[in-house]
Amino acid sequence: MSYGLMILSVGDLILYLNYRTLGYSWVVVFKFMMHTTEFYMAVGSAIVLCAVALGVRFDRTPNDQDKI
């Protein structure tokens, strides 16, 4: 699910690069892109995707070695 969200949000961010053809500078376009919801979804889904791929998990079971 996070992969799909990342693909959709990055695709929308690429479409925002069309503002460059309207005469806006790169700085203005990137500032606008960084304040959109798609940017935050892309970053969040990339973090979730990396966590899933690397096997990061929170173990809630008590561990006997931690009690020492």
N, C-alpha and C. Protein backbone atom coordinates (compact mmCIF):
# COMPACT_ATOMS: atom_id res chain seq x y z
N MET A 1 0.82 -1.18 0.00
CA MET A 1 0.00 0.00 0.00
C MET A 1 0.88 1.26 0.00
N SER A 2 1.97 1.23 0.77
CA SER A 2 2.84 2.41 0.79
C SER A 2 3.54 2.61 -0.55
N TYR A 3 3.83 1.51 -1.25
CA TYR A 3 4.44 1.63 -2.57
C TYR A 3 3.48 2.32 -3.54
N GLY A 4 2.22 1.96 -3.50
CA GLY A 4 1.23 2.58 -4.36
C GLY A 4 1.06 4.06 -4.06
N LEU A 5 1.03 4.41 -2.77
CA LEU A 5 0.92 5.82 -2.40
C LEU A 5 2.14 6.61 -2.85
N MET A 6 3.31 5.98 -2.75
CA MET A 6 4.52 6.68 -3.17
C MET A 6 4.52 6.91 -4.68
N ILE A 7 4.10 5.91 -5.45
CA ILE A 7 4.06 6.06 -6.89
C ILE A 7 3.06 7.15 -7.30
N LEU A 8 1.89 7.17 -6.68
CA LEU A 8 0.90 8.19 -7.02
C LEU A 8 1.36 9.59 -6.63
N SER A 9 1.94 9.73 -5.46
CA SER A 9 2.34 11.07 -5.01
C SER A 9 3.56 11.57 -5.79
N VAL A 10 4.51 10.71 -6.10
CA VAL A 10 5.66 11.15 -6.90
C VAL A 10 5.21 11.48 -8.32
N GLY A 11 4.25 10.74 -8.85
CA GLY A 11 3.71 11.07 -10.16
C GLY A 11 3.06 12.44 -10.18
N ASP A 12 2.34 12.77 -9.14
CA ASP A 12 1.74 14.11 -9.06
C ASP A 12 2.82 15.19 -8.91
N LEU A 13 3.87 14.88 -8.15
CA LEU A 13 4.95 15.86 -8.00
C LEU A 13 5.66 16.11 -9.32
N ILE A 14 5.79 15.09 -10.14
CA ILE A 14 6.41 15.27 -11.46
C ILE A 14 5.54 16.16 -12.33
N LEU A 15 4.23 16.04 -12.19
CA LEU A 15 3.34 16.90 -12.97
C LEU A 15 3.48 18.37 -12.59
N TYR A 16 3.84 18.65 -11.35
CA TYR A 16 4.05 20.04 -10.93
C TYR A 16 5.24 20.67 -11.63
N LEU A 17 6.13 19.87 -12.19
CA LEU A 17 7.27 20.44 -12.91
C LEU A 17 6.83 21.16 -14.18
N ASN A 18 5.57 20.98 -14.59
CA ASN A 18 5.06 21.71 -15.75
C ASN A 18 4.95 23.21 -15.48
N TYR A 19 4.94 23.61 -14.21
CA TYR A 19 4.93 25.03 -13.90
C TYR A 19 6.20 25.71 -14.40
N ARG A 20 7.24 24.94 -14.58
CA ARG A 20 8.49 25.48 -15.11
C ARG A 20 8.28 26.03 -16.52
N THR A 21 7.43 25.38 -17.31
CA THR A 21 7.18 25.85 -18.67
C THR A 21 6.34 27.13 -18.69
N LEU A 22 5.68 27.45 -17.60
CA LEU A 22 4.90 28.68 -17.51
C LEU A 22 5.76 29.88 -17.12
N GLY A 23 7.04 29.64 -16.88
CA GLY A 23 7.94 30.76 -16.59
C GLY A 23 8.36 30.88 -15.15
N TYR A 24 7.93 29.97 -14.29
CA TYR A 24 8.35 30.02 -12.90
C TYR A 24 9.78 29.50 -12.76
N SER A 25 10.51 30.03 -11.78
CA SER A 25 11.88 29.57 -11.56
C SER A 25 11.89 28.24 -10.82
N TRP A 26 13.03 27.57 -10.84
CA TRP A 26 13.16 26.28 -10.16
C TRP A 26 12.91 26.42 -8.66
N VAL A 27 13.36 27.51 -8.08
CA VAL A 27 13.21 27.71 -6.64
C VAL A 27 11.74 27.81 -6.26
N VAL A 28 10.99 28.55 -7.03
CA VAL A 28 9.56 28.73 -6.76
C VAL A 28 8.81 27.40 -6.92
N VAL A 29 9.16 26.66 -7.95
CA VAL A 29 8.48 25.38 -8.19
C VAL A 29 8.79 24.40 -7.06
N PHE A 30 10.05 24.30 -6.65
CA PHE A 30 10.39 23.35 -5.58
C PHE A 30 9.82 23.78 -4.22
N LYS A 31 9.77 25.08 -3.97
CA LYS A 31 9.13 25.54 -2.73
C LYS A 31 7.65 25.18 -2.72
N PHE A 32 7.00 25.35 -3.88
CA PHE A 32 5.59 24.98 -3.96
C PHE A 32 5.41 23.48 -3.77
N MET A 33 6.28 22.68 -4.40
CA MET A 33 6.16 21.23 -4.30
C MET A 33 6.38 20.74 -2.87
N MET A 34 7.26 21.40 -2.13
CA MET A 34 7.55 20.95 -0.77
C MET A 34 6.42 21.26 0.20
N HIS A 35 5.49 22.12 -0.18
CA HIS A 35 4.38 22.47 0.71
C HIS A 35 3.07 21.79 0.32
N THR A 36 3.13 20.82 -0.57
CA THR A 36 1.92 20.12 -0.99
C THR A 36 1.73 18.85 -0.17
N THR A 37 0.52 18.36 -0.18
CA THR A 37 0.20 17.12 0.53
C THR A 37 0.90 15.94 -0.12
N GLU A 38 1.07 15.98 -1.43
CA GLU A 38 1.71 14.88 -2.14
C GLU A 38 3.14 14.69 -1.68
N PHE A 39 3.83 15.79 -1.39
CA PHE A 39 5.21 15.68 -0.91
C PHE A 39 5.27 14.97 0.43
N TYR A 40 4.37 15.32 1.34
CA TYR A 40 4.35 14.69 2.65
C TYR A 40 3.95 13.22 2.55
N MET A 41 3.04 12.91 1.64
CA MET A 41 2.67 11.50 1.44
C MET A 41 3.82 10.71 0.85
N ALA A 42 4.59 11.31 -0.05
CA ALA A 42 5.73 10.63 -0.65
C ALA A 42 6.80 10.34 0.39
N VAL A 43 7.08 11.31 1.24
CA VAL A 43 8.09 11.12 2.29
C VAL A 43 7.62 10.07 3.30
N GLY A 44 6.37 10.17 3.73
CA GLY A 44 5.84 9.20 4.70
C GLY A 44 5.79 7.79 4.16
N SER A 45 5.36 7.65 2.92
CA SER A 45 5.29 6.31 2.35
C SER A 45 6.68 5.76 2.06
N ALA A 46 7.65 6.61 1.76
CA ALA A 46 9.03 6.14 1.58
C ALA A 46 9.60 5.64 2.90
N ILE A 47 9.29 6.32 3.99
CA ILE A 47 9.76 5.88 5.30
C ILE A 47 9.13 4.54 5.67
N VAL A 48 7.83 4.40 5.44
CA VAL A 48 7.15 3.13 5.74
C VAL A 48 7.69 2.01 4.86
N LEU A 49 7.92 2.31 3.59
CA LEU A 49 8.43 1.30 2.67
C LEU A 49 9.83 0.85 3.07
N CYS A 50 10.69 1.77 3.47
CA CYS A 50 12.03 1.40 3.94
C CYS A 50 11.97 0.60 5.23
N ALA A 51 11.07 0.96 6.12
CA ALA A 51 10.93 0.22 7.37
C ALA A 51 10.46 -1.21 7.13
N VAL A 52 9.55 -1.38 6.19
CA VAL A 52 9.06 -2.72 5.87
C VAL A 52 10.14 -3.53 5.17
N ALA A 53 10.86 -2.91 4.26
CA ALA A 53 11.90 -3.63 3.51
C ALA A 53 13.07 -4.03 4.40
N LEU A 54 13.40 -3.18 5.37
CA LEU A 54 14.52 -3.48 6.26
C LEU A 54 14.12 -4.35 7.44
N GLY A 55 12.86 -4.58 7.62
CA GLY A 55 12.39 -5.45 8.69
C GLY A 55 12.38 -4.79 10.06
N VAL A 56 12.19 -3.49 10.09
CA VAL A 56 12.12 -2.77 11.36
C VAL A 56 10.77 -3.06 11.98
N ARG A 57 10.78 -3.54 13.19
CA ARG A 57 9.53 -3.81 13.89
C ARG A 57 9.72 -3.54 15.37
N PHE A 58 8.62 -3.29 16.01
CA PHE A 58 8.63 -3.02 17.44
C PHE A 58 8.12 -4.25 18.15
N ASP A 59 9.01 -4.89 18.90
CA ASP A 59 8.67 -6.12 19.59
C ASP A 59 8.09 -5.76 20.95
N ARG A 60 6.86 -6.17 21.20
CA ARG A 60 6.19 -5.84 22.46
C ARG A 60 6.27 -6.97 23.48
N THR A 61 6.83 -8.09 23.08
CA THR A 61 6.94 -9.20 24.03
C THR A 61 8.10 -8.94 24.97
N PRO A 62 7.94 -9.32 26.22
CA PRO A 62 9.04 -9.10 27.18
C PRO A 62 10.23 -10.00 26.83
N ASN A 63 11.41 -9.45 26.97
CA ASN A 63 12.63 -10.17 26.67
C ASN A 63 13.40 -10.39 27.98
N ASP A 64 13.84 -11.60 28.24
CA ASP A 64 14.53 -11.91 29.49
C ASP A 64 15.89 -11.23 29.54
N GLN A 65 16.52 -10.97 28.43
CA GLN A 65 17.84 -10.36 28.44
C GLN A 65 17.76 -8.87 28.81
N ASP A 66 16.64 -8.24 28.56
CA ASP A 66 16.49 -6.83 28.89
C ASP A 66 16.28 -6.59 30.38
N LYS A 67 15.90 -7.62 31.12
CA LYS A 67 15.63 -7.46 32.55
C LYS A 67 16.91 -7.39 33.37
N ILE A 68 18.01 -7.80 32.81
CA ILE A 68 19.26 -7.84 33.58
C ILE A 68 19.86 -6.47 33.73
